PDB file of all heavy atoms in Angstrom:
ATOM      1  N   TRP A   1      12.493  21.576 -16.879  1.00  0.00           N
ATOM      2  CA  TRP A   1      11.661  21.082 -15.949  1.00  0.00           C
ATOM      3  C   TRP A   1      11.117  19.692 -16.447  1.00  0.00           C
ATOM      4  O   TRP A   1      10.884  18.841 -15.795  1.00  0.00           O
ATOM      5  CB  TRP A   1      10.494  21.890 -15.560  1.00  0.00           C
ATOM      6  CG  TRP A   1       9.524  22.232 -16.670  1.00  0.00           C
ATOM      7  CD1 TRP A   1       9.531  23.113 -17.573  1.00  0.00           C
ATOM      8  CD2 TRP A   1       8.468  21.470 -16.965  1.00  0.00           C
ATOM      9  NE1 TRP A   1       8.565  23.159 -18.457  1.00  0.00           N
ATOM     10  CE2 TRP A   1       7.783  22.115 -18.185  1.00  0.00           C
ATOM     11  CE3 TRP A   1       7.929  20.201 -16.479  1.00  0.00           C
ATOM     12  CZ2 TRP A   1       6.645  21.467 -18.782  1.00  0.00           C
ATOM     13  CZ3 TRP A   1       6.746  19.805 -17.111  1.00  0.00           C
ATOM     14  CH2 TRP A   1       6.070  20.447 -18.264  1.00  0.00           C
ATOM     15  N   TRP A   2      10.870  19.634 -17.764  1.00  0.00           N
ATOM     16  CA  TRP A   2      10.219  18.409 -18.372  1.00  0.00           C
ATOM     17  C   TRP A   2      11.178  17.273 -18.492  1.00  0.00           C
ATOM     18  O   TRP A   2      10.901  16.098 -18.556  1.00  0.00           O
ATOM     19  CB  TRP A   2       9.790  18.754 -19.734  1.00  0.00           C
ATOM     20  CG  TRP A   2      10.523  19.432 -20.668  1.00  0.00           C
ATOM     21  CD1 TRP A   2      10.700  20.729 -20.911  1.00  0.00           C
ATOM     22  CD2 TRP A   2      11.664  18.821 -21.397  1.00  0.00           C
ATOM     23  NE1 TRP A   2      11.714  21.045 -21.755  1.00  0.00           N
ATOM     24  CE2 TRP A   2      12.415  19.837 -22.176  1.00  0.00           C
ATOM     25  CE3 TRP A   2      12.123  17.590 -21.729  1.00  0.00           C
ATOM     26  CZ2 TRP A   2      13.359  19.667 -23.055  1.00  0.00           C
ATOM     27  CZ3 TRP A   2      13.174  17.260 -22.562  1.00  0.00           C
ATOM     28  CH2 TRP A   2      13.746  18.317 -23.210  1.00  0.00           C
ATOM     29  N   SER A   3      12.527  17.596 -18.416  1.00  0.00           N
ATOM     30  CA  SER A   3      13.499  16.555 -18.468  1.00  0.00           C
ATOM     31  C   SER A   3      13.688  15.896 -17.081  1.00  0.00           C
ATOM     32  O   SER A   3      14.239  14.621 -17.020  1.00  0.00           O
ATOM     33  CB  SER A   3      14.872  17.050 -18.974  1.00  0.00           C
ATOM     34  OG  SER A   3      15.458  17.813 -17.951  1.00  0.00           O
ATOM     35  N   VAL A   4      13.375  16.506 -16.041  1.00  0.00           N
ATOM     36  CA  VAL A   4      13.435  15.904 -14.631  1.00  0.00           C
ATOM     37  C   VAL A   4      12.135  15.517 -14.090  1.00  0.00           C
ATOM     38  O   VAL A   4      12.041  14.841 -13.005  1.00  0.00           O
ATOM     39  CB  VAL A   4      14.268  16.771 -13.752  1.00  0.00           C
ATOM     40  CG1 VAL A   4      15.743  16.849 -14.259  1.00  0.00           C
ATOM     41  CG2 VAL A   4      13.662  18.110 -13.629  1.00  0.00           C
ATOM     42  N   ALA A   5      11.143  16.027 -14.614  1.00  0.00           N
ATOM     43  CA  ALA A   5       9.720  15.872 -13.945  1.00  0.00           C
ATOM     44  C   ALA A   5       9.286  14.382 -13.890  1.00  0.00           C
ATOM     45  O   ALA A   5       8.795  13.863 -12.888  1.00  0.00           O
ATOM     46  CB  ALA A   5       8.601  16.710 -14.773  1.00  0.00           C
ATOM     47  N   ALA A   6       9.368  13.666 -15.035  1.00  0.00           N
ATOM     48  CA  ALA A   6       8.932  12.242 -15.024  1.00  0.00           C
ATOM     49  C   ALA A   6       9.940  11.402 -14.122  1.00  0.00           C
ATOM     50  O   ALA A   6       9.335  10.526 -13.299  1.00  0.00           O
ATOM     51  CB  ALA A   6       8.973  11.686 -16.473  1.00  0.00           C
ATOM     52  N   PRO A   7      11.259  11.551 -14.180  1.00  0.00           N
ATOM     53  CA  PRO A   7      12.033  10.725 -13.269  1.00  0.00           C
ATOM     54  C   PRO A   7      11.786  11.132 -11.860  1.00  0.00           C
ATOM     55  O   PRO A   7      11.827  10.223 -10.878  1.00  0.00           O
ATOM     56  CB  PRO A   7      13.508  10.981 -13.720  1.00  0.00           C
ATOM     57  CG  PRO A   7      13.480  11.912 -14.768  1.00  0.00           C
ATOM     58  CD  PRO A   7      12.095  12.176 -15.160  1.00  0.00           C
ATOM     59  N   LEU A   8      11.448  12.272 -11.577  1.00  0.00           N
ATOM     60  CA  LEU A   8      11.233  12.717 -10.170  1.00  0.00           C
ATOM     61  C   LEU A   8       9.972  12.096  -9.684  1.00  0.00           C
ATOM     62  O   LEU A   8       9.902  11.560  -8.577  1.00  0.00           O
ATOM     63  CB  LEU A   8      11.272  14.247 -10.027  1.00  0.00           C
ATOM     64  CG  LEU A   8      11.138  14.919  -8.620  1.00  0.00           C
ATOM     65  CD1 LEU A   8      12.168  14.420  -7.686  1.00  0.00           C
ATOM     66  CD2 LEU A   8      11.077  16.408  -8.751  1.00  0.00           C
ATOM     67  N   ALA A   9       8.915  12.113 -10.558  1.00  0.00           N
ATOM     68  CA  ALA A   9       7.624  11.614 -10.143  1.00  0.00           C
ATOM     69  C   ALA A   9       7.732  10.091  -9.865  1.00  0.00           C
ATOM     70  O   ALA A   9       7.257   9.588  -9.028  1.00  0.00           O
ATOM     71  CB  ALA A   9       6.590  11.918 -11.245  1.00  0.00           C
ATOM     72  N   LEU A  10       8.475   9.373 -10.758  1.00  0.00           N
ATOM     73  CA  LEU A  10       8.595   8.024 -10.614  1.00  0.00           C
ATOM     74  C   LEU A  10       9.513   7.608  -9.386  1.00  0.00           C
ATOM     75  O   LEU A  10       9.130   6.752  -8.665  1.00  0.00           O
ATOM     76  CB  LEU A  10       9.238   7.370 -11.866  1.00  0.00           C
ATOM     77  CG  LEU A  10       8.490   7.333 -13.192  1.00  0.00           C
ATOM     78  CD1 LEU A  10       9.258   6.947 -14.400  1.00  0.00           C
ATOM     79  CD2 LEU A  10       7.250   6.516 -12.923  1.00  0.00           C
ATOM     80  N   ALA A  11      10.374   8.470  -9.050  1.00  0.00           N
ATOM     81  CA  ALA A  11      11.267   8.242  -7.918  1.00  0.00           C
ATOM     82  C   ALA A  11      10.471   8.369  -6.632  1.00  0.00           C
ATOM     83  O   ALA A  11      10.516   7.627  -5.662  1.00  0.00           O
ATOM     84  CB  ALA A  11      12.344   9.293  -7.745  1.00  0.00           C
ATOM     85  N   LEU A  12       9.450   9.344  -6.617  1.00  0.00           N
ATOM     86  CA  LEU A  12       8.527   9.540  -5.515  1.00  0.00           C
ATOM     87  C   LEU A  12       7.622   8.331  -5.414  1.00  0.00           C
ATOM     88  O   LEU A  12       7.384   7.872  -4.221  1.00  0.00           O
ATOM     89  CB  LEU A  12       7.763  10.868  -5.737  1.00  0.00           C
ATOM     90  CG  LEU A  12       8.572  12.220  -5.483  1.00  0.00           C
ATOM     91  CD1 LEU A  12       7.810  13.402  -5.807  1.00  0.00           C
ATOM     92  CD2 LEU A  12       9.167  12.304  -4.122  1.00  0.00           C
ATOM     93  N   VAL A  13       7.172   7.784  -6.566  1.00  0.00           N
ATOM     94  CA  VAL A  13       6.207   6.644  -6.391  1.00  0.00           C
ATOM     95  C   VAL A  13       6.941   5.432  -5.888  1.00  0.00           C
ATOM     96  O   VAL A  13       6.478   4.690  -4.979  1.00  0.00           O
ATOM     97  CB  VAL A  13       5.689   6.342  -7.861  1.00  0.00           C
ATOM     98  CG1 VAL A  13       5.088   4.976  -7.849  1.00  0.00           C
ATOM     99  CG2 VAL A  13       4.751   7.416  -8.225  1.00  0.00           C
ATOM    100  N   VAL A  14       8.194   5.268  -6.289  1.00  0.00           N
ATOM    101  CA  VAL A  14       9.048   4.171  -5.710  1.00  0.00           C
ATOM    102  C   VAL A  14       9.269   4.248  -4.368  1.00  0.00           C
ATOM    103  O   VAL A  14       9.240   3.313  -3.518  1.00  0.00           O
ATOM    104  CB  VAL A  14      10.445   4.041  -6.571  1.00  0.00           C
ATOM    105  CG1 VAL A  14      11.392   3.189  -5.825  1.00  0.00           C
ATOM    106  CG2 VAL A  14      10.048   3.575  -7.932  1.00  0.00           C
ATOM    107  N   LEU A  15       9.604   5.516  -3.792  1.00  0.00           N
ATOM    108  CA  LEU A  15       9.865   5.788  -2.530  1.00  0.00           C
ATOM    109  C   LEU A  15       8.527   5.398  -1.587  1.00  0.00           C
ATOM    110  O   LEU A  15       8.562   4.760  -0.591  1.00  0.00           O
ATOM    111  CB  LEU A  15      10.294   7.219  -2.272  1.00  0.00           C
ATOM    112  CG  LEU A  15      10.475   7.705  -0.835  1.00  0.00           C
ATOM    113  CD1 LEU A  15      11.695   6.857  -0.145  1.00  0.00           C
ATOM    114  CD2 LEU A  15      10.810   9.116  -0.674  1.00  0.00           C
ATOM    115  N   LEU A  16       7.340   6.081  -2.112  1.00  0.00           N
ATOM    116  CA  LEU A  16       6.197   5.764  -1.368  1.00  0.00           C
ATOM    117  C   LEU A  16       5.767   4.377  -1.289  1.00  0.00           C
ATOM    118  O   LEU A  16       5.489   3.801  -0.232  1.00  0.00           O
ATOM    119  CB  LEU A  16       5.004   6.701  -2.057  1.00  0.00           C
ATOM    120  CG  LEU A  16       5.000   8.092  -1.875  1.00  0.00           C
ATOM    121  CD1 LEU A  16       4.168   8.735  -2.755  1.00  0.00           C
ATOM    122  CD2 LEU A  16       5.017   8.442  -0.421  1.00  0.00           C
ATOM    123  N   LEU A  17       6.027   3.599  -2.400  1.00  0.00           N
ATOM    124  CA  LEU A  17       5.649   2.077  -2.437  1.00  0.00           C
ATOM    125  C   LEU A  17       6.618   1.358  -1.454  1.00  0.00           C
ATOM    126  O   LEU A  17       6.246   0.308  -0.968  1.00  0.00           O
ATOM    127  CB  LEU A  17       5.663   1.588  -3.871  1.00  0.00           C
ATOM    128  CG  LEU A  17       4.522   1.979  -4.778  1.00  0.00           C
ATOM    129  CD1 LEU A  17       4.689   1.433  -6.054  1.00  0.00           C
ATOM    130  CD2 LEU A  17       3.175   1.534  -4.204  1.00  0.00           C
ATOM    131  N   GLY A  18       7.847   1.856  -1.381  1.00  0.00           N
ATOM    132  CA  GLY A  18       8.789   1.215  -0.468  1.00  0.00           C
ATOM    133  C   GLY A  18       8.417   1.435   1.025  1.00  0.00           C
ATOM    134  O   GLY A  18       8.738   0.641   1.764  1.00  0.00           O
ATOM    135  N   VAL A  19       7.804   2.539   1.296  1.00  0.00           N
ATOM    136  CA  VAL A  19       7.431   2.890   2.626  1.00  0.00           C
ATOM    137  C   VAL A  19       6.085   2.269   3.005  1.00  0.00           C
ATOM    138  O   VAL A  19       5.878   1.742   4.135  1.00  0.00           O
ATOM    139  CB  VAL A  19       7.399   4.353   2.946  1.00  0.00           C
ATOM    140  CG1 VAL A  19       6.887   4.733   4.319  1.00  0.00           C
ATOM    141  CG2 VAL A  19       8.870   4.903   2.738  1.00  0.00           C
ATOM    142  N   SER A  20       5.202   2.363   2.045  1.00  0.00           N
ATOM    143  CA  SER A  20       3.711   1.904   2.374  1.00  0.00           C
ATOM    144  C   SER A  20       3.040   1.352   1.179  1.00  0.00           C
ATOM    145  O   SER A  20       2.952   2.087   0.107  1.00  0.00           O
ATOM    146  CB  SER A  20       2.890   3.167   2.978  1.00  0.00           C
ATOM    147  OG  SER A  20       1.579   2.712   3.170  1.00  0.00           O
ATOM    148  N   LEU A  21       2.702   0.147   1.187  1.00  0.00           N
ATOM    149  CA  LEU A  21       2.015  -0.522  -0.083  1.00  0.00           C
ATOM    150  C   LEU A  21       0.519  -0.277   0.266  1.00  0.00           C
ATOM    151  O   LEU A  21      -0.136  -0.866   1.178  1.00  0.00           O
ATOM    152  CB  LEU A  21       2.380  -1.952   0.058  1.00  0.00           C
ATOM    153  CG  LEU A  21       2.070  -2.743  -1.262  1.00  0.00           C
ATOM    154  CD1 LEU A  21       2.836  -2.083  -2.436  1.00  0.00           C
ATOM    155  CD2 LEU A  21       2.620  -4.222  -1.087  1.00  0.00           C
ATOM    156  N   PRO A  22      -0.184   0.269  -0.722  1.00  0.00           N
ATOM    157  CA  PRO A  22      -1.549   0.504  -0.659  1.00  0.00           C
ATOM    158  C   PRO A  22      -2.343  -0.831  -0.570  1.00  0.00           C
ATOM    159  O   PRO A  22      -1.956  -1.890  -1.045  1.00  0.00           O
ATOM    160  CB  PRO A  22      -1.964   1.084  -1.981  1.00  0.00           C
ATOM    161  CG  PRO A  22      -0.682   1.774  -2.521  1.00  0.00           C
ATOM    162  CD  PRO A  22       0.393   0.798  -2.036  1.00  0.00           C
ATOM    163  N   ALA A  23      -3.287  -0.997   0.239  1.00  0.00           N
ATOM    164  CA  ALA A  23      -4.130  -2.154   0.465  1.00  0.00           C
ATOM    165  C   ALA A  23      -4.560  -2.926  -0.736  1.00  0.00           C
ATOM    166  O   ALA A  23      -4.392  -4.112  -0.851  1.00  0.00           O
ATOM    167  CB  ALA A  23      -5.311  -1.850   1.439  1.00  0.00           C
ATOM    168  N   PRO A  24      -5.097  -2.194  -1.804  1.00  0.00           N
ATOM    169  CA  PRO A  24      -5.621  -3.004  -3.001  1.00  0.00           C
ATOM    170  C   PRO A  24      -4.299  -3.645  -3.669  1.00  0.00           C
ATOM    171  O   PRO A  24      -4.412  -4.717  -4.186  1.00  0.00           O
ATOM    172  CB  PRO A  24      -6.127  -1.784  -3.881  1.00  0.00           C
ATOM    173  CG  PRO A  24      -6.421  -0.803  -2.968  1.00  0.00           C
ATOM    174  CD  PRO A  24      -5.557  -0.709  -1.886  1.00  0.00           C
ATOM    175  N   LEU A  25      -3.194  -2.843  -3.763  1.00  0.00           N
ATOM    176  CA  LEU A  25      -2.048  -3.539  -4.406  1.00  0.00           C
ATOM    177  C   LEU A  25      -1.473  -4.708  -3.583  1.00  0.00           C
ATOM    178  O   LEU A  25      -1.126  -5.659  -4.070  1.00  0.00           O
ATOM    179  CB  LEU A  25      -0.970  -2.433  -4.591  1.00  0.00           C
ATOM    180  CG  LEU A  25       0.375  -2.973  -5.268  1.00  0.00           C
ATOM    181  CD1 LEU A  25      -0.020  -3.463  -6.664  1.00  0.00           C
ATOM    182  CD2 LEU A  25       1.205  -1.705  -5.383  1.00  0.00           C
ATOM    183  N   SER A  26      -1.521  -4.537  -2.115  1.00  0.00           N
ATOM    184  CA  SER A  26      -1.167  -5.625  -1.407  1.00  0.00           C
ATOM    185  C   SER A  26      -1.963  -6.764  -1.606  1.00  0.00           C
ATOM    186  O   SER A  26      -1.444  -7.946  -1.663  1.00  0.00           O
ATOM    187  CB  SER A  26      -1.108  -5.180   0.107  1.00  0.00           C
ATOM    188  OG  SER A  26      -0.661  -6.144   0.959  1.00  0.00           O
ATOM    189  N   ARG A  27      -3.326  -6.602  -1.627  1.00  0.00           N
ATOM    190  CA  ARG A  27      -4.140  -7.741  -1.866  1.00  0.00           C
ATOM    191  C   ARG A  27      -3.933  -8.508  -3.184  1.00  0.00           C
ATOM    192  O   ARG A  27      -3.858  -9.691  -3.272  1.00  0.00           O
ATOM    193  CB  ARG A  27      -5.660  -7.319  -1.900  1.00  0.00           C
ATOM    194  CG  ARG A  27      -6.284  -7.159  -0.396  1.00  0.00           C
ATOM    195  CD  ARG A  27      -7.645  -6.996  -0.399  1.00  0.00           C
ATOM    196  NE  ARG A  27      -8.287  -5.871  -1.225  1.00  0.00           N
ATOM    197  CZ  ARG A  27      -8.199  -4.702  -0.749  1.00  0.00           C
ATOM    198  NH1 ARG A  27      -7.759  -4.398   0.521  1.00  0.00           N
ATOM    199  NH2 ARG A  27      -8.724  -3.679  -1.376  1.00  0.00           N
ATOM    200  N   LEU A  28      -3.705  -7.663  -4.228  1.00  0.00           N
ATOM    201  CA  LEU A  28      -3.335  -8.147  -5.620  1.00  0.00           C
ATOM    202  C   LEU A  28      -2.156  -9.058  -5.528  1.00  0.00           C
ATOM    203  O   LEU A  28      -2.098 -10.161  -6.089  1.00  0.00           O
ATOM    204  CB  LEU A  28      -3.181  -6.976  -6.605  1.00  0.00           C
ATOM    205  CG  LEU A  28      -3.017  -7.364  -7.982  1.00  0.00           C
ATOM    206  CD1 LEU A  28      -4.182  -8.150  -8.620  1.00  0.00           C
ATOM    207  CD2 LEU A  28      -2.746  -6.180  -8.870  1.00  0.00           C
ATOM    208  N   ILE A  29      -1.084  -8.549  -4.921  1.00  0.00           N
ATOM    209  CA  ILE A  29       0.151  -9.369  -4.855  1.00  0.00           C
ATOM    210  C   ILE A  29      -0.009 -10.560  -4.038  1.00  0.00           C
ATOM    211  O   ILE A  29       0.569 -11.621  -4.331  1.00  0.00           O
ATOM    212  CB  ILE A  29       1.275  -8.378  -4.141  1.00  0.00           C
ATOM    213  CG1 ILE A  29       1.590  -7.327  -5.098  1.00  0.00           C
ATOM    214  CG2 ILE A  29       2.600  -9.219  -3.818  1.00  0.00           C
ATOM    215  CD1 ILE A  29       2.532  -6.317  -4.492  1.00  0.00           C
ATOM    216  N   SER A  30      -0.778 -10.514  -2.937  1.00  0.00           N
ATOM    217  CA  SER A  30      -1.017 -11.755  -2.040  1.00  0.00           C
ATOM    218  C   SER A  30      -1.792 -12.789  -2.914  1.00  0.00           C
ATOM    219  O   SER A  30      -1.563 -14.004  -2.889  1.00  0.00           O
ATOM    220  CB  SER A  30      -1.888 -11.325  -0.966  1.00  0.00           C
ATOM    221  OG  SER A  30      -1.065 -10.513   0.071  1.00  0.00           O
ATOM    222  N   GLU A  31      -2.747 -12.278  -3.708  1.00  0.00           N
ATOM    223  CA  GLU A  31      -3.546 -13.271  -4.527  1.00  0.00           C
ATOM    224  C   GLU A  31      -2.662 -13.866  -5.725  1.00  0.00           C
ATOM    225  O   GLU A  31      -2.781 -15.054  -5.861  1.00  0.00           O
ATOM    226  CB  GLU A  31      -4.753 -12.531  -5.324  1.00  0.00           C
ATOM    227  CG  GLU A  31      -5.820 -12.028  -4.238  1.00  0.00           C
ATOM    228  CD  GLU A  31      -6.961 -11.308  -4.905  1.00  0.00           C
ATOM    229  OE1 GLU A  31      -6.926 -11.056  -6.036  1.00  0.00           O
ATOM    230  OE2 GLU A  31      -7.597 -10.716  -4.214  1.00  0.00           O
ATOM    231  N   ALA A  32      -1.739 -13.120  -6.157  1.00  0.00           N
ATOM    232  CA  ALA A  32      -0.892 -13.594  -7.183  1.00  0.00           C
ATOM    233  C   ALA A  32       0.049 -14.646  -6.537  1.00  0.00           C
ATOM    234  O   ALA A  32       0.383 -15.710  -7.157  1.00  0.00           O
ATOM    235  CB  ALA A  32      -0.063 -12.516  -7.788  1.00  0.00           C
ATOM    236  N   ALA A  33       0.460 -14.333  -5.309  1.00  0.00           N
ATOM    237  CA  ALA A  33       1.456 -15.351  -4.612  1.00  0.00           C
ATOM    238  C   ALA A  33       0.759 -16.532  -4.374  1.00  0.00           C
ATOM    239  O   ALA A  33       1.316 -17.629  -4.393  1.00  0.00           O
ATOM    240  CB  ALA A  33       2.015 -14.526  -3.406  1.00  0.00           C
ATOM    241  N   ALA A  34      -0.502 -16.484  -3.838  1.00  0.00           N
ATOM    242  CA  ALA A  34      -1.331 -17.715  -3.636  1.00  0.00           C
ATOM    243  C   ALA A  34      -1.601 -18.432  -4.907  1.00  0.00           C
ATOM    244  O   ALA A  34      -1.504 -19.784  -4.862  1.00  0.00           O
ATOM    245  CB  ALA A  34      -2.671 -17.254  -3.029  1.00  0.00           C
ATOM    246  N   GLN A  35      -1.756 -17.847  -6.052  1.00  0.00           N
ATOM    247  CA  GLN A  35      -1.817 -18.631  -7.258  1.00  0.00           C
ATOM    248  C   GLN A  35      -0.662 -19.251  -7.600  1.00  0.00           C
ATOM    249  O   GLN A  35      -0.754 -20.366  -8.297  1.00  0.00           O
ATOM    250  CB  GLN A  35      -2.300 -17.444  -8.422  1.00  0.00           C
ATOM    251  CG  GLN A  35      -3.765 -17.054  -8.337  1.00  0.00           C
ATOM    252  CD  GLN A  35      -4.764 -18.086  -8.508  1.00  0.00           C
ATOM    253  OE1 GLN A  35      -4.614 -19.017  -9.276  1.00  0.00           O
ATOM    254  NE2 GLN A  35      -5.827 -18.027  -7.795  1.00  0.00           N
ATOM    255  N   LEU A  36       0.460 -18.804  -7.236  1.00  0.00           N
ATOM    256  CA  LEU A  36       1.730 -19.407  -7.507  1.00  0.00           C
ATOM    257  C   LEU A  36       2.097 -20.501  -6.516  1.00  0.00           C
ATOM    258  O   LEU A  36       3.190 -21.041  -6.476  1.00  0.00           O
ATOM    259  CB  LEU A  36       2.848 -18.387  -7.560  1.00  0.00           C
ATOM    260  CG  LEU A  36       2.712 -17.367  -8.869  1.00  0.00           C
ATOM    261  CD1 LEU A  36       3.785 -16.314  -8.755  1.00  0.00           C
ATOM    262  CD2 LEU A  36       2.939 -18.204 -10.190  1.00  0.00           C
TER     263      LEU A  36
END
């Protein structure tokens, strides 16, 4: 279980971020883009 737990958790995070970006993270990305 320990050999697949971390990759499975990271895969779920990647999937969730691909479907819906949390507002604080979206603001942070927008601010970084504005700075650039």
